[in-house]
Amino acid sequence: MAEESEEAAANVTALRKRARGRHSDPVGTHDYRDRDVRNLRRRAKQSTGVGQRLREMMEDRDRLAQIVEEARDAAWADVRHNLDRRLRVEGMRPDQDPDYNRMREARMQALRLVDLQALSSEQRAKAKRRKKQQKAEAASD
């Protein structure tokens, strides 16, 4: 990450040098002009600072281990939360869902308009492939 920050600083510095003295209207998002030079200098300085700070943090093995452990815990908490939420929604019975009756019509409409249409389309495609394969087999015999 430190290398990425340092590369970002170098890229922004190159963009800043190219933008200096250009006063026409930009063509795109990253087509910088002279009025962007100050902001680009600030961005390069920030990226350089982030890279330096990351390198300092890498030197402190205890702090680095703590950061890794905190990140691991946060990632597992996120996975646990997603699993809990998904199981709660998918495993819920109609009598446990207070919005079941209110949302029933929307679910039935989605079933008719989306799910059954997709299933029908899939079945037609399978039949078409099967028919094509049978024709190919008949032609090769």
N, C-alpha and C. Protein backbone atom coordinates (compact mmCIF):
# COMPACT_ATOMS: atom_id res chain seq x y z
N MET A 1 0.82 -1.19 0.00
CA MET A 1 0.00 0.00 0.00
C MET A 1 0.87 1.25 0.00
N ALA A 2 1.99 1.15 0.68
CA ALA A 2 2.91 2.29 0.70
C ALA A 2 3.42 2.57 -0.71
N GLU A 3 3.77 1.51 -1.43
CA GLU A 3 4.23 1.67 -2.81
C GLU A 3 3.14 2.27 -3.68
N GLU A 4 1.90 1.81 -3.48
CA GLU A 4 0.78 2.36 -4.26
C GLU A 4 0.63 3.86 -4.00
N SER A 5 0.74 4.25 -2.75
CA SER A 5 0.63 5.67 -2.41
C SER A 5 1.75 6.48 -3.05
N GLU A 6 2.95 5.92 -3.03
CA GLU A 6 4.08 6.62 -3.64
C GLU A 6 3.92 6.71 -5.15
N GLU A 7 3.40 5.64 -5.77
CA GLU A 7 3.14 5.66 -7.21
C GLU A 7 2.05 6.69 -7.54
N ALA A 8 1.03 6.74 -6.69
CA ALA A 8 -0.04 7.72 -6.90
C ALA A 8 0.52 9.13 -6.82
N ALA A 9 1.41 9.36 -5.88
CA ALA A 9 2.04 10.69 -5.75
C ALA A 9 2.82 11.03 -7.01
N ALA A 10 3.56 10.06 -7.53
CA ALA A 10 4.34 10.30 -8.75
C ALA A 10 3.42 10.57 -9.94
N ASN A 11 2.33 9.82 -10.05
CA ASN A 11 1.39 10.02 -11.15
C ASN A 11 0.73 11.40 -11.07
N VAL A 12 0.33 11.79 -9.87
CA VAL A 12 -0.31 13.09 -9.69
C VAL A 12 0.69 14.20 -9.98
N THR A 13 1.94 14.01 -9.60
CA THR A 13 2.97 15.01 -9.89
C THR A 13 3.16 15.17 -11.40
N ALA A 14 3.15 14.05 -12.12
CA ALA A 14 3.27 14.11 -13.58
C ALA A 14 2.06 14.83 -14.18
N LEU A 15 0.87 14.53 -13.68
CA LEU A 15 -0.33 15.21 -14.16
C LEU A 15 -0.27 16.71 -13.87
N ARG A 16 0.26 17.06 -12.70
CA ARG A 16 0.38 18.47 -12.32
C ARG A 16 1.32 19.20 -13.27
N LYS A 17 2.46 18.58 -13.58
CA LYS A 17 3.43 19.21 -14.48
C LYS A 17 2.84 19.40 -15.88
N ARG A 18 2.07 18.42 -16.30
CA ARG A 18 1.45 18.52 -17.64
C ARG A 18 0.33 19.57 -17.65
N ALA A 19 -0.34 19.76 -16.52
CA ALA A 19 -1.47 20.70 -16.43
C ALA A 19 -1.00 22.15 -16.38
N ARG A 20 0.21 22.38 -15.89
CA ARG A 20 0.71 23.75 -15.72
C ARG A 20 0.75 24.48 -17.07
N GLY A 21 0.14 25.65 -17.10
CA GLY A 21 0.15 26.47 -18.30
C GLY A 21 -0.95 26.15 -19.29
N ARG A 22 -1.76 25.17 -19.01
CA ARG A 22 -2.88 24.82 -19.90
C ARG A 22 -4.12 25.55 -19.39
N HIS A 23 -4.69 26.39 -20.23
CA HIS A 23 -5.81 27.22 -19.80
C HIS A 23 -7.09 26.94 -20.58
N SER A 24 -7.09 26.00 -21.50
CA SER A 24 -8.29 25.70 -22.28
C SER A 24 -9.27 24.88 -21.43
N ASP A 25 -10.43 24.63 -21.95
CA ASP A 25 -11.42 23.82 -21.24
C ASP A 25 -10.99 22.35 -21.27
N PRO A 26 -11.18 21.65 -20.18
CA PRO A 26 -10.82 20.22 -20.15
C PRO A 26 -11.76 19.40 -21.02
N VAL A 27 -11.24 18.31 -21.53
CA VAL A 27 -12.03 17.41 -22.37
C VAL A 27 -12.70 16.33 -21.54
N GLY A 28 -12.05 15.88 -20.49
CA GLY A 28 -12.59 14.80 -19.66
C GLY A 28 -12.29 15.02 -18.19
N THR A 29 -12.63 14.04 -17.39
CA THR A 29 -12.48 14.12 -15.95
C THR A 29 -11.02 14.29 -15.52
N HIS A 30 -10.12 13.58 -16.17
CA HIS A 30 -8.72 13.61 -15.77
C HIS A 30 -7.86 14.48 -16.70
N ASP A 31 -8.51 15.35 -17.41
CA ASP A 31 -7.81 16.28 -18.29
C ASP A 31 -7.61 17.57 -17.51
N TYR A 32 -6.54 17.62 -16.72
CA TYR A 32 -6.33 18.73 -15.79
C TYR A 32 -5.78 19.96 -16.48
N ARG A 33 -6.08 21.10 -15.88
CA ARG A 33 -5.65 22.39 -16.40
C ARG A 33 -4.91 23.15 -15.31
N ASP A 34 -4.42 24.34 -15.66
CA ASP A 34 -3.62 25.14 -14.75
C ASP A 34 -4.36 25.42 -13.43
N ARG A 35 -5.67 25.57 -13.50
CA ARG A 35 -6.43 25.85 -12.27
C ARG A 35 -6.46 24.65 -11.33
N ASP A 36 -6.06 23.46 -11.81
CA ASP A 36 -6.04 22.26 -10.98
C ASP A 36 -4.69 22.02 -10.32
N VAL A 37 -3.68 22.78 -10.68
CA VAL A 37 -2.32 22.54 -10.21
C VAL A 37 -2.23 22.54 -8.69
N ARG A 38 -2.87 23.50 -8.06
CA ARG A 38 -2.80 23.59 -6.59
C ARG A 38 -3.39 22.34 -5.93
N ASN A 39 -4.54 21.91 -6.42
CA ASN A 39 -5.18 20.72 -5.87
C ASN A 39 -4.34 19.47 -6.14
N LEU A 40 -3.74 19.38 -7.32
CA LEU A 40 -2.90 18.23 -7.65
C LEU A 40 -1.65 18.20 -6.76
N ARG A 41 -1.09 19.37 -6.46
CA ARG A 41 0.06 19.43 -5.56
C ARG A 41 -0.35 18.90 -4.17
N ARG A 42 -1.52 19.32 -3.72
CA ARG A 42 -2.03 18.87 -2.41
C ARG A 42 -2.24 17.35 -2.41
N ARG A 43 -2.80 16.83 -3.49
CA ARG A 43 -3.02 15.39 -3.57
C ARG A 43 -1.71 14.61 -3.56
N ALA A 44 -0.71 15.11 -4.27
CA ALA A 44 0.60 14.44 -4.29
C ALA A 44 1.21 14.45 -2.90
N LYS A 45 1.09 15.57 -2.23
CA LYS A 45 1.63 15.70 -0.87
C LYS A 45 0.93 14.72 0.07
N GLN A 46 -0.39 14.62 -0.06
CA GLN A 46 -1.16 13.69 0.78
C GLN A 46 -0.72 12.24 0.50
N SER A 47 -0.59 11.88 -0.77
CA SER A 47 -0.20 10.51 -1.11
C SER A 47 1.20 10.19 -0.59
N THR A 48 2.09 11.14 -0.70
CA THR A 48 3.44 10.95 -0.18
C THR A 48 3.40 10.74 1.33
N GLY A 49 2.61 11.57 2.01
CA GLY A 49 2.46 11.44 3.46
C GLY A 49 1.87 10.11 3.87
N VAL A 50 0.89 9.65 3.13
CA VAL A 50 0.28 8.34 3.43
C VAL A 50 1.33 7.24 3.25
N GLY A 51 2.10 7.32 2.17
CA GLY A 51 3.14 6.31 1.93
C GLY A 51 4.17 6.30 3.05
N GLN A 52 4.59 7.48 3.49
CA GLN A 52 5.57 7.56 4.58
C GLN A 52 4.99 6.99 5.87
N ARG A 53 3.75 7.35 6.15
CA ARG A 53 3.10 6.87 7.39
C ARG A 53 2.95 5.35 7.36
N LEU A 54 2.59 4.81 6.21
CA LEU A 54 2.47 3.35 6.09
C LEU A 54 3.81 2.66 6.31
N ARG A 55 4.87 3.25 5.76
CA ARG A 55 6.20 2.66 5.96
C ARG A 55 6.61 2.71 7.43
N GLU A 56 6.28 3.81 8.10
CA GLU A 56 6.55 3.90 9.54
C GLU A 56 5.78 2.82 10.31
N MET A 57 4.55 2.62 9.93
CA MET A 57 3.73 1.62 10.61
C MET A 57 4.28 0.21 10.38
N MET A 58 4.86 -0.01 9.19
CA MET A 58 5.43 -1.33 8.89
C MET A 58 6.63 -1.62 9.79
N GLU A 59 7.32 -0.59 10.23
CA GLU A 59 8.49 -0.77 11.09
C GLU A 59 8.10 -1.27 12.48
N ASP A 60 6.91 -0.89 12.94
CA ASP A 60 6.44 -1.27 14.27
C ASP A 60 5.66 -2.58 14.14
N ARG A 61 6.36 -3.69 14.34
CA ARG A 61 5.77 -5.03 14.16
C ARG A 61 4.58 -5.28 15.07
N ASP A 62 4.64 -4.79 16.30
CA ASP A 62 3.52 -4.98 17.22
C ASP A 62 2.28 -4.24 16.72
N ARG A 63 2.47 -3.01 16.28
CA ARG A 63 1.34 -2.22 15.77
C ARG A 63 0.80 -2.85 14.50
N LEU A 64 1.67 -3.34 13.64
CA LEU A 64 1.26 -3.99 12.40
C LEU A 64 0.44 -5.24 12.70
N ALA A 65 0.89 -6.03 13.66
CA ALA A 65 0.14 -7.24 14.04
C ALA A 65 -1.24 -6.86 14.59
N GLN A 66 -1.29 -5.78 15.34
CA GLN A 66 -2.57 -5.31 15.89
C GLN A 66 -3.52 -4.88 14.77
N ILE A 67 -3.00 -4.16 13.78
CA ILE A 67 -3.81 -3.72 12.65
C ILE A 67 -4.35 -4.92 11.88
N VAL A 68 -3.49 -5.90 11.65
CA VAL A 68 -3.91 -7.10 10.91
C VAL A 68 -5.00 -7.83 11.69
N GLU A 69 -4.83 -7.97 12.98
CA GLU A 69 -5.82 -8.66 13.81
C GLU A 69 -7.15 -7.90 13.81
N GLU A 70 -7.09 -6.58 13.91
CA GLU A 70 -8.32 -5.77 13.88
C GLU A 70 -9.02 -5.90 12.54
N ALA A 71 -8.25 -5.91 11.46
CA ALA A 71 -8.83 -6.06 10.13
C ALA A 71 -9.47 -7.44 9.97
N ARG A 72 -8.81 -8.45 10.47
CA ARG A 72 -9.35 -9.82 10.41
C ARG A 72 -10.66 -9.90 11.19
N ASP A 73 -10.67 -9.33 12.40
CA ASP A 73 -11.89 -9.33 13.21
C ASP A 73 -13.02 -8.58 12.52
N ALA A 74 -12.69 -7.44 11.92
CA ALA A 74 -13.72 -6.65 11.22
C ALA A 74 -14.27 -7.41 10.02
N ALA A 75 -13.40 -8.11 9.30
CA ALA A 75 -13.85 -8.88 8.14
C ALA A 75 -14.77 -10.02 8.57
N TRP A 76 -14.40 -10.73 9.63
CA TRP A 76 -15.25 -11.83 10.11
C TRP A 76 -16.57 -11.29 10.65
N ALA A 77 -16.56 -10.13 11.29
CA ALA A 77 -17.80 -9.53 11.77
C ALA A 77 -18.72 -9.19 10.61
N ASP A 78 -18.13 -8.70 9.53
CA ASP A 78 -18.90 -8.38 8.33
C ASP A 78 -19.52 -9.64 7.73
N VAL A 79 -18.72 -10.70 7.62
CA VAL A 79 -19.23 -11.97 7.09
C VAL A 79 -20.34 -12.50 7.99
N ARG A 80 -20.11 -12.47 9.30
CA ARG A 80 -21.11 -12.96 10.26
C ARG A 80 -22.41 -12.17 10.14
N HIS A 81 -22.29 -10.85 10.03
CA HIS A 81 -23.48 -10.00 9.90
C HIS A 81 -24.27 -10.35 8.63
N ASN A 82 -23.55 -10.51 7.51
CA ASN A 82 -24.22 -10.84 6.25
C ASN A 82 -24.91 -12.20 6.32
N LEU A 83 -24.23 -13.17 6.91
CA LEU A 83 -24.84 -14.49 7.05
C LEU A 83 -26.07 -14.44 7.95
N ASP A 84 -25.96 -13.75 9.08
CA ASP A 84 -27.10 -13.63 9.99
C ASP A 84 -28.29 -12.98 9.29
N ARG A 85 -28.02 -11.90 8.58
CA ARG A 85 -29.10 -11.19 7.89
C ARG A 85 -29.75 -12.07 6.83
N ARG A 86 -28.91 -12.76 6.07
CA ARG A 86 -29.44 -13.61 5.01
C ARG A 86 -30.24 -14.77 5.56
N LEU A 87 -29.73 -15.40 6.62
CA LEU A 87 -30.46 -16.52 7.22
C LEU A 87 -31.76 -16.04 7.85
N ARG A 88 -31.74 -14.86 8.43
CA ARG A 88 -32.95 -14.32 9.05
C ARG A 88 -34.03 -14.10 7.99
N VAL A 89 -33.65 -13.56 6.84
CA VAL A 89 -34.61 -13.27 5.78
C VAL A 89 -35.07 -14.56 5.10
N GLU A 90 -34.12 -15.42 4.72
CA GLU A 90 -34.49 -16.61 3.96
C GLU A 90 -35.14 -17.68 4.84
N GLY A 91 -34.83 -17.69 6.12
CA GLY A 91 -35.40 -18.71 7.00
C GLY A 91 -36.66 -18.25 7.70
N MET A 92 -37.12 -17.06 7.41
CA MET A 92 -38.29 -16.53 8.11
C MET A 92 -39.57 -17.20 7.61
N ARG A 93 -40.42 -17.54 8.54
CA ARG A 93 -41.74 -18.10 8.20
C ARG A 93 -42.73 -16.95 8.06
N PRO A 94 -43.81 -17.17 7.28
CA PRO A 94 -44.79 -16.10 7.08
C PRO A 94 -45.35 -15.54 8.38
N ASP A 95 -45.55 -16.38 9.38
CA ASP A 95 -46.12 -15.88 10.63
C ASP A 95 -45.15 -15.03 11.43
N GLN A 96 -43.86 -15.03 11.08
CA GLN A 96 -42.87 -14.22 11.76
C GLN A 96 -42.63 -12.88 11.08
N ASP A 97 -43.08 -12.75 9.84
CA ASP A 97 -42.84 -11.53 9.07
C ASP A 97 -44.04 -10.60 9.18
N PRO A 98 -43.88 -9.45 9.83
CA PRO A 98 -45.01 -8.54 10.00
C PRO A 98 -45.50 -7.95 8.68
N ASP A 99 -44.64 -7.93 7.65
CA ASP A 99 -45.03 -7.35 6.35
C ASP A 99 -45.45 -8.42 5.34
N TYR A 100 -45.61 -9.65 5.78
CA TYR A 100 -45.88 -10.74 4.85
C TYR A 100 -47.12 -10.46 3.99
N ASN A 101 -48.23 -10.16 4.62
CA ASN A 101 -49.48 -9.96 3.86
C ASN A 101 -49.40 -8.72 2.98
N ARG A 102 -48.80 -7.66 3.48
CA ARG A 102 -48.70 -6.42 2.72
C ARG A 102 -47.83 -6.61 1.48
N MET A 103 -46.76 -7.40 1.57
CA MET A 103 -45.83 -7.57 0.46
C MET A 103 -46.15 -8.78 -0.41
N ARG A 104 -47.15 -9.56 -0.04
CA ARG A 104 -47.47 -10.78 -0.78
C ARG A 104 -47.77 -10.50 -2.25
N GLU A 105 -48.61 -9.50 -2.51
CA GLU A 105 -48.97 -9.19 -3.89
C GLU A 105 -47.75 -8.79 -4.72
N ALA A 106 -46.85 -8.02 -4.14
CA ALA A 106 -45.63 -7.63 -4.86
C ALA A 106 -44.77 -8.85 -5.16
N ARG A 107 -44.67 -9.76 -4.20
CA ARG A 107 -43.88 -10.98 -4.43
C ARG A 107 -44.50 -11.83 -5.53
N MET A 108 -45.83 -11.94 -5.53
CA MET A 108 -46.50 -12.74 -6.55
C MET A 108 -46.33 -12.10 -7.93
N GLN A 109 -46.41 -10.78 -7.99
CA GLN A 109 -46.21 -10.09 -9.26
C GLN A 109 -44.78 -10.30 -9.75
N ALA A 110 -43.81 -10.22 -8.86
CA ALA A 110 -42.41 -10.46 -9.24
C ALA A 110 -42.23 -11.89 -9.73
N LEU A 111 -42.91 -12.82 -9.08
CA LEU A 111 -42.84 -14.22 -9.51
C LEU A 111 -43.36 -14.36 -10.93
N ARG A 112 -44.51 -13.74 -11.20
CA ARG A 112 -45.11 -13.85 -12.54
C ARG A 112 -44.29 -13.14 -13.60
N LEU A 113 -43.86 -11.92 -13.29
CA LEU A 113 -43.23 -11.09 -14.31
C LEU A 113 -41.74 -11.36 -14.50
N VAL A 114 -41.08 -11.83 -13.46
CA VAL A 114 -39.63 -12.02 -13.55
C VAL A 114 -39.27 -13.50 -13.54
N ASP A 115 -39.58 -14.16 -12.46
CA ASP A 115 -39.12 -15.54 -12.29
C ASP A 115 -39.73 -16.49 -13.32
N LEU A 116 -41.06 -16.44 -13.51
CA LEU A 116 -41.69 -17.35 -14.46
C LEU A 116 -41.28 -17.03 -15.89
N GLN A 117 -41.09 -15.74 -16.20
CA GLN A 117 -40.63 -15.37 -17.54
C GLN A 117 -39.22 -15.91 -17.79
N ALA A 118 -38.37 -15.78 -16.80
CA ALA A 118 -36.99 -16.28 -16.94
C ALA A 118 -36.99 -17.79 -17.09
N LEU A 119 -37.82 -18.48 -16.32
CA LEU A 119 -37.91 -19.93 -16.41
C LEU A 119 -38.42 -20.35 -17.78
N SER A 120 -39.44 -19.65 -18.28
CA SER A 120 -39.98 -19.96 -19.61
C SER A 120 -38.92 -19.75 -20.68
N SER A 121 -38.21 -18.67 -20.60
CA SER A 121 -37.16 -18.37 -21.58
C SER A 121 -36.06 -19.43 -21.53
N GLU A 122 -35.70 -19.83 -20.33
CA GLU A 122 -34.68 -20.86 -20.17
C GLU A 122 -35.15 -22.19 -20.76
N GLN A 123 -36.40 -22.53 -20.55
CA GLN A 123 -36.93 -23.78 -21.10
C GLN A 123 -36.96 -23.75 -22.63
N ARG A 124 -37.35 -22.61 -23.21
CA ARG A 124 -37.34 -22.49 -24.67
C ARG A 124 -35.93 -22.63 -25.22
N ALA A 125 -34.96 -22.02 -24.55
CA ALA A 125 -33.57 -22.12 -25.01
C ALA A 125 -33.07 -23.55 -24.93
N LYS A 126 -33.42 -24.27 -23.84
CA LYS A 126 -33.03 -25.68 -23.72
C LYS A 126 -33.64 -26.51 -24.84
N ALA A 127 -34.92 -26.28 -25.11
CA ALA A 127 -35.59 -27.03 -26.17
C ALA A 127 -34.94 -26.75 -27.52
N LYS A 128 -34.58 -25.51 -27.76
CA LYS A 128 -33.94 -25.13 -29.03
C LYS A 128 -32.58 -25.80 -29.15
N ARG A 129 -31.80 -25.82 -28.06
CA ARG A 129 -30.49 -26.49 -28.10
C ARG A 129 -30.65 -27.99 -28.31
N ARG A 130 -31.65 -28.57 -27.65
CA ARG A 130 -31.89 -30.01 -27.79
C ARG A 130 -32.27 -30.34 -29.23
N LYS A 131 -33.14 -29.53 -29.83
CA LYS A 131 -33.57 -29.75 -31.21
C LYS A 131 -32.39 -29.61 -32.17
N LYS A 132 -31.54 -28.61 -31.92
CA LYS A 132 -30.36 -28.40 -32.76
C LYS A 132 -29.40 -29.58 -32.65
N GLN A 133 -29.23 -30.08 -31.43
CA GLN A 133 -28.35 -31.23 -31.22
C GLN A 133 -28.91 -32.46 -31.92
N GLN A 134 -30.23 -32.66 -31.86
CA GLN A 134 -30.85 -33.82 -32.53
C GLN A 134 -30.67 -33.73 -34.05
N LYS A 135 -30.81 -32.52 -34.59
CA LYS A 135 -30.60 -32.34 -36.03
C LYS A 135 -29.17 -32.65 -36.42
N ALA A 136 -28.23 -32.22 -35.59
CA ALA A 136 -26.81 -32.47 -35.85
C ALA A 136 -26.52 -33.96 -35.80
N GLU A 137 -27.11 -34.66 -34.84
CA GLU A 137 -26.91 -36.10 -34.74
C GLU A 137 -27.52 -36.83 -35.92
N ALA A 138 -28.69 -36.37 -36.35
CA ALA A 138 -29.36 -37.00 -37.49
C ALA A 138 -28.56 -36.77 -38.77
N ALA A 139 -27.97 -35.61 -38.90
CA ALA A 139 -27.17 -35.30 -40.10
C ALA A 139 -25.89 -36.11 -40.15
N SER A 140 -25.33 -36.41 -38.97
CA SER A 140 -24.07 -37.16 -38.95
C SER A 140 -24.29 -38.65 -39.13
N ASP A 141 -25.50 -39.13 -38.98
CA ASP A 141 -25.78 -40.57 -39.15
C ASP A 141 -25.91 -40.91 -40.57
